[in-house]
Amino acid sequence: MIDQYGRTIEYLRISVTDRCNLRCVYCMPEEGIEQLPHEQILTFDEIERVCRISTELGISKIKLTGGEPLVRKGLPDLLGKIKRVSGIEQVTLTTNGILLKNQLDELMRQGLDAVNISIDTLDETCYHTVTRCGELNQALEGLQAALEYPNLRVKLNCVPMNQSEEEYIQMAEYAKEHHFDYFTTTLSVSPHKNAAKLNEIGLRLAQEYGIPYLVSDFKKKGGYLKSIELSAEYQLYRQDYCGCVYSKAAREREKQQKILQL
């Protein structure tokens, strides 16, 4: 499949549940949402069929998401079913990390290729305020468990809200120290109010890492900031809705892949 901009579509996100074990302030109301009856959501067999049909359209990468996908009973089995579909090359997972530690061994046995873990702050009080009910130590335990698998790509997602500048720095330092494949900040803030502040934070991040701050590109797109780019050690990954910072390891892998393609 080719979209209107000439890009090849090979990636499909599948929401396996509308349920979540957190109540993040930017995601849902404190009382939660009206949940679908279980009989109305896709069964594992139906999801497997969707994936199989999708491969005929060129889909080769599947991301399992939610809600919080790990609250769906038997998710590792579903992941294994999808991995065995001819034409599927990669299956990844998004999670808040709370339930990851206890399920990760089985997920890896079933063929998990990568995991995106959302942790917005390393401050326990702030984390509990943002998630309304989450325990930071559980999310960090899931994150640490993922990092113990050398063949598992780990991406840390962070949504900047009203955290202090020091909290942004702390998250960036944590990502750098633990050698994540990717560290992403989703800039879901108004460019009119916060562009100058985020520009200052970008400069501070560059100073903390000792690298030049080359681009501060705040372009409006759908009410979101478009990108922040830090270079040369870290490079912009995606252009729409997020500033994503590569680790050295990820950059080297991409470089080798390009060489092989040549």
Protein backbone atom coordinates (compact mmCIF):
# COMPACT_ATOMS: atom_id res chain seq x y z
CA MET A 1 0.00 0.00 0.00
CA ILE A 2 1.15 3.51 -0.82
CA ASP A 3 -0.31 6.60 0.87
CA GLN A 4 -0.98 10.01 -0.73
CA TYR A 5 2.59 11.12 0.04
CA GLY A 6 4.15 8.13 -1.71
CA ARG A 7 5.12 6.34 1.50
CA THR A 8 4.92 2.55 1.70
CA ILE A 9 2.53 1.36 4.40
CA GLU A 10 3.95 -1.74 6.09
CA TYR A 11 3.03 -1.15 9.73
CA LEU A 12 -0.26 -1.87 11.52
CA ARG A 13 -1.27 -1.02 15.09
CA ILE A 14 -3.80 -3.32 16.72
CA SER A 15 -5.63 -2.31 19.88
CA VAL A 16 -6.27 -5.54 21.78
CA THR A 17 -8.28 -3.93 24.60
CA ASP A 18 -9.82 -0.63 25.70
CA ARG A 19 -9.00 -1.39 29.34
CA CYS A 20 -6.10 0.09 31.28
CA ASN A 21 -4.70 -0.23 34.78
CA LEU A 22 -3.82 3.50 34.92
CA ARG A 23 -5.88 6.68 34.59
CA CYS A 24 -3.38 9.09 33.06
CA VAL A 25 -4.67 12.65 33.07
CA TYR A 26 -3.98 13.17 29.34
CA CYS A 27 -5.62 9.90 28.33
CA MET A 28 -8.90 9.35 30.19
CA PRO A 29 -11.11 10.75 32.95
CA GLU A 30 -10.42 9.68 36.53
CA GLU A 31 -13.54 7.51 36.63
CA GLY A 32 -12.43 5.69 33.49
CA ILE A 33 -14.45 5.16 30.32
CA GLU A 34 -17.40 3.00 29.39
CA GLN A 35 -15.80 -0.28 28.42
CA LEU A 36 -16.86 -2.50 25.57
CA PRO A 37 -18.37 -5.85 26.50
CA HIS A 38 -15.83 -8.62 26.03
CA GLU A 39 -17.88 -10.25 23.27
CA GLN A 40 -17.61 -7.07 21.18
CA ILE A 41 -13.81 -6.94 21.01
CA LEU A 42 -11.77 -8.95 18.53
CA THR A 43 -10.92 -12.50 19.55
CA PHE A 44 -7.36 -13.77 19.19
CA ASP A 45 -8.40 -15.80 16.14
CA GLU A 46 -9.95 -12.69 14.57
CA ILE A 47 -6.83 -10.64 15.25
CA GLU A 48 -4.69 -13.36 13.71
CA ARG A 49 -6.93 -13.35 10.64
CA VAL A 50 -6.64 -9.55 10.32
CA CYS A 51 -2.86 -9.88 10.40
CA ARG A 52 -2.87 -12.65 7.81
CA ILE A 53 -5.07 -10.65 5.44
CA SER A 54 -2.96 -7.53 6.06
CA THR A 55 0.18 -9.28 4.82
CA GLU A 56 -1.48 -9.57 1.42
CA LEU A 57 -1.56 -5.75 1.36
CA GLY A 58 2.11 -5.45 2.27
CA ILE A 59 1.91 -5.24 6.07
CA SER A 60 4.93 -6.87 7.73
CA LYS A 61 5.12 -5.10 11.12
CA ILE A 62 2.52 -5.29 13.88
CA LYS A 63 2.34 -3.23 17.06
CA LEU A 64 0.08 -4.45 19.87
CA THR A 65 -1.44 -1.66 21.91
CA GLY A 66 -4.45 -0.86 24.04
CA GLY A 67 -5.56 0.54 26.45
CA GLU A 68 -2.87 -1.35 28.24
CA PRO A 69 -2.36 -4.53 26.17
CA LEU A 70 -0.89 -6.55 29.05
CA VAL A 71 -4.19 -6.49 30.95
CA ARG A 72 -5.61 -8.73 28.19
CA LYS A 73 -5.35 -12.29 29.43
CA GLY A 74 -3.15 -14.52 27.28
CA LEU A 75 -1.47 -11.70 25.34
CA PRO A 76 1.84 -13.62 24.96
CA ASP A 77 -0.07 -16.41 23.20
CA LEU A 78 -1.58 -13.87 20.79
CA LEU A 79 1.86 -12.45 20.08
CA GLY A 80 3.12 -15.95 19.25
CA LYS A 81 0.19 -16.55 16.89
CA ILE A 82 0.96 -13.34 15.02
CA LYS A 83 4.69 -14.07 14.81
CA ARG A 84 3.90 -17.38 13.11
CA VAL A 85 1.85 -15.69 10.38
CA SER A 86 3.74 -15.91 7.09
CA GLY A 87 4.86 -12.45 6.03
CA ILE A 88 4.95 -10.93 9.52
CA GLU A 89 8.53 -9.91 10.24
CA GLN A 90 8.17 -7.93 13.45
CA VAL A 91 5.77 -7.76 16.40
CA THR A 92 6.20 -5.01 18.99
CA LEU A 93 4.35 -3.87 22.09
CA THR A 94 3.42 -0.57 23.75
CA THR A 95 2.97 -0.66 27.53
CA ASN A 96 3.09 1.42 30.68
CA GLY A 97 5.42 -1.23 32.10
CA ILE A 98 3.42 -2.00 35.25
CA LEU A 99 2.69 -5.62 34.28
CA LEU A 100 5.70 -6.14 32.03
CA LYS A 101 8.15 -7.75 34.46
CA ASN A 102 5.91 -10.75 35.18
CA GLN A 103 5.03 -11.39 31.52
CA LEU A 104 8.27 -10.54 29.77
CA ASP A 105 9.86 -14.00 29.82
CA GLU A 106 6.88 -15.51 28.03
CA LEU A 107 6.62 -12.57 25.62
CA MET A 108 10.25 -13.11 24.66
CA ARG A 109 9.72 -16.85 24.19
CA GLN A 110 6.88 -16.01 21.81
CA GLY A 111 9.10 -13.71 19.75
CA LEU A 112 8.65 -10.10 20.96
CA ASP A 113 10.93 -7.86 18.86
CA ALA A 114 10.66 -4.49 20.61
CA VAL A 115 8.82 -2.71 23.41
CA ASN A 116 7.77 0.94 23.85
CA ILE A 117 7.48 1.82 27.54
CA SER A 118 5.73 5.01 28.65
CA ILE A 119 7.13 6.67 31.78
CA ASP A 120 6.59 10.42 31.99
CA THR A 121 8.65 11.25 35.07
CA LEU A 122 11.07 9.71 37.56
CA ASP A 123 9.51 11.59 40.46
CA GLU A 124 7.22 9.25 42.42
CA THR A 125 4.79 11.97 43.50
CA CYS A 126 4.52 13.42 39.99
CA TYR A 127 4.11 9.93 38.50
CA HIS A 128 1.25 9.14 40.86
CA THR A 129 -0.35 12.50 40.08
CA VAL A 130 -0.13 11.96 36.30
CA THR A 131 -1.32 8.32 36.37
CA ARG A 132 -3.70 8.86 39.32
CA CYS A 133 -3.07 5.33 40.59
CA GLY A 134 0.29 4.06 39.32
CA GLU A 135 3.39 3.06 41.25
CA LEU A 136 6.60 4.23 39.62
CA ASN A 137 8.70 1.39 41.03
CA GLN A 138 6.56 -1.19 39.20
CA ALA A 139 6.99 0.60 35.88
CA LEU A 140 10.75 0.90 36.42
CA GLU A 141 10.99 -2.80 37.30
CA GLY A 142 9.35 -3.61 33.97
CA LEU A 143 11.74 -1.27 32.19
CA GLN A 144 14.79 -2.79 33.86
CA ALA A 145 13.59 -6.29 33.03
CA ALA A 146 13.31 -5.32 29.36
CA LEU A 147 16.85 -3.93 29.36
CA GLU A 148 18.20 -7.31 30.50
CA TYR A 149 17.38 -8.80 27.08
CA PRO A 150 20.17 -7.74 24.70
CA ASN A 151 18.15 -8.58 21.58
CA LEU A 152 15.07 -6.63 22.66
CA ARG A 153 14.83 -3.07 21.33
CA VAL A 154 13.63 -0.77 24.10
CA LYS A 155 12.12 2.66 23.53
CA LEU A 156 11.26 5.04 26.38
CA ASN A 157 8.33 7.41 25.76
CA CYS A 158 7.80 10.55 27.80
CA VAL A 159 4.91 13.03 27.56
CA PRO A 160 6.02 16.48 28.75
CA MET A 161 3.28 18.21 30.72
CA ASN A 162 4.00 20.63 33.54
CA GLN A 163 7.14 18.97 34.81
CA SER A 164 10.06 21.10 35.85
CA GLU A 165 13.03 21.57 33.57
CA GLU A 166 15.07 19.39 35.90
CA GLU A 167 12.65 16.50 35.38
CA TYR A 168 13.19 16.66 31.61
CA ILE A 169 16.93 16.58 32.18
CA GLN A 170 16.58 13.70 34.62
CA MET A 171 14.60 11.64 32.09
CA ALA A 172 17.12 12.34 29.32
CA GLU A 173 20.02 11.41 31.58
CA TYR A 174 18.26 8.21 32.62
CA ALA A 175 17.75 7.26 28.96
CA LYS A 176 21.37 7.99 28.13
CA GLU A 177 22.71 6.10 31.15
CA HIS A 178 20.71 2.96 30.34
CA HIS A 179 21.47 2.95 26.60
CA PHE A 180 17.93 2.84 25.25
CA ASP A 181 17.49 2.30 21.54
CA TYR A 182 15.23 5.35 21.44
CA PHE A 183 14.15 8.10 23.81
CA THR A 184 11.05 9.98 22.67
CA THR A 185 9.34 13.06 24.02
CA THR A 186 5.84 13.59 22.62
CA LEU A 187 5.30 17.32 22.43
CA SER A 188 1.55 17.52 23.07
CA VAL A 189 1.58 21.19 24.05
CA SER A 190 0.48 24.46 22.51
CA PRO A 191 3.20 26.09 20.40
CA HIS A 192 1.91 29.55 21.30
CA LYS A 193 2.46 29.12 25.04
CA ASN A 194 5.35 26.72 25.31
CA ALA A 195 7.60 27.05 22.27
CA ALA A 196 10.04 29.38 24.01
CA LYS A 197 10.15 27.22 27.13
CA LEU A 198 10.78 24.04 25.15
CA ASN A 199 13.44 25.82 23.15
CA GLU A 200 15.22 26.63 26.41
CA ILE A 201 14.89 23.00 27.52
CA GLY A 202 16.28 21.81 24.19
CA LEU A 203 19.28 24.06 24.63
CA ARG A 204 19.74 22.79 28.16
CA LEU A 205 19.60 19.17 26.99
CA ALA A 206 22.25 19.93 24.41
CA GLN A 207 24.44 21.56 27.04
CA GLU A 208 24.03 18.64 29.46
CA TYR A 209 25.08 16.17 26.75
CA GLY A 210 27.87 18.41 25.49
CA ILE A 211 26.60 18.37 21.89
CA PRO A 212 25.64 21.23 19.56
CA TYR A 213 21.99 22.27 19.38
CA LEU A 214 21.51 22.66 15.62
CA VAL A 215 17.78 22.95 15.04
CA SER A 216 14.90 24.36 17.02
CA ASP A 217 12.05 23.91 14.56
CA PHE A 218 8.64 24.70 16.04
CA LYS A 219 6.27 24.28 13.13
CA LYS A 220 2.56 24.10 13.72
CA LYS A 221 0.84 20.93 12.59
CA GLY A 222 -2.55 20.01 13.98
CA GLY A 223 -1.94 22.06 17.11
CA TYR A 224 1.28 20.24 17.96
CA LEU A 225 4.90 21.16 17.82
CA LYS A 226 6.57 19.45 14.91
CA SER A 227 10.10 18.70 15.99
CA ILE A 228 13.13 19.32 18.11
CA GLU A 229 16.42 18.10 16.73
CA LEU A 230 19.58 17.49 18.72
CA SER A 231 22.74 16.62 16.86
CA ALA A 232 25.42 15.28 16.15
CA GLU A 233 25.46 12.36 18.58
CA TYR A 234 21.67 12.19 18.66
CA GLN A 235 19.53 12.59 15.56
CA LEU A 236 15.90 13.32 14.81
CA TYR A 237 13.98 10.10 14.14
CA ARG A 238 10.40 11.10 13.33
CA GLN A 239 9.18 14.45 12.08
CA ASP A 240 5.51 14.50 13.05
CA TYR A 241 4.25 15.03 16.60
CA CYS A 242 7.43 14.02 18.40
CA GLY A 243 11.07 14.73 18.85
CA CYS A 244 12.84 11.38 18.97
CA VAL A 245 16.44 10.97 19.96
CA TYR A 246 18.49 8.05 18.68
CA SER A 247 21.04 6.28 20.78
CA LYS A 248 24.43 5.49 19.26
CA ALA A 249 23.54 1.80 19.05
CA ALA A 250 20.38 2.51 17.07
CA ARG A 251 22.25 4.79 14.69
CA GLU A 252 24.87 2.14 14.04
CA ARG A 253 22.21 -0.49 13.32
CA GLU A 254 20.51 1.81 10.82
CA LYS A 255 23.83 2.59 9.17
CA GLN A 256 24.62 -1.11 8.75
CA GLN A 257 21.16 -1.78 7.32
CA LYS A 258 21.65 0.95 4.71
CA ILE A 259 25.01 -0.52 3.76
CA LEU A 260 23.43 -3.96 3.32
CA GLN A 261 20.68 -2.46 1.15
CA LEU A 262 23.31 -0.98 -1.15
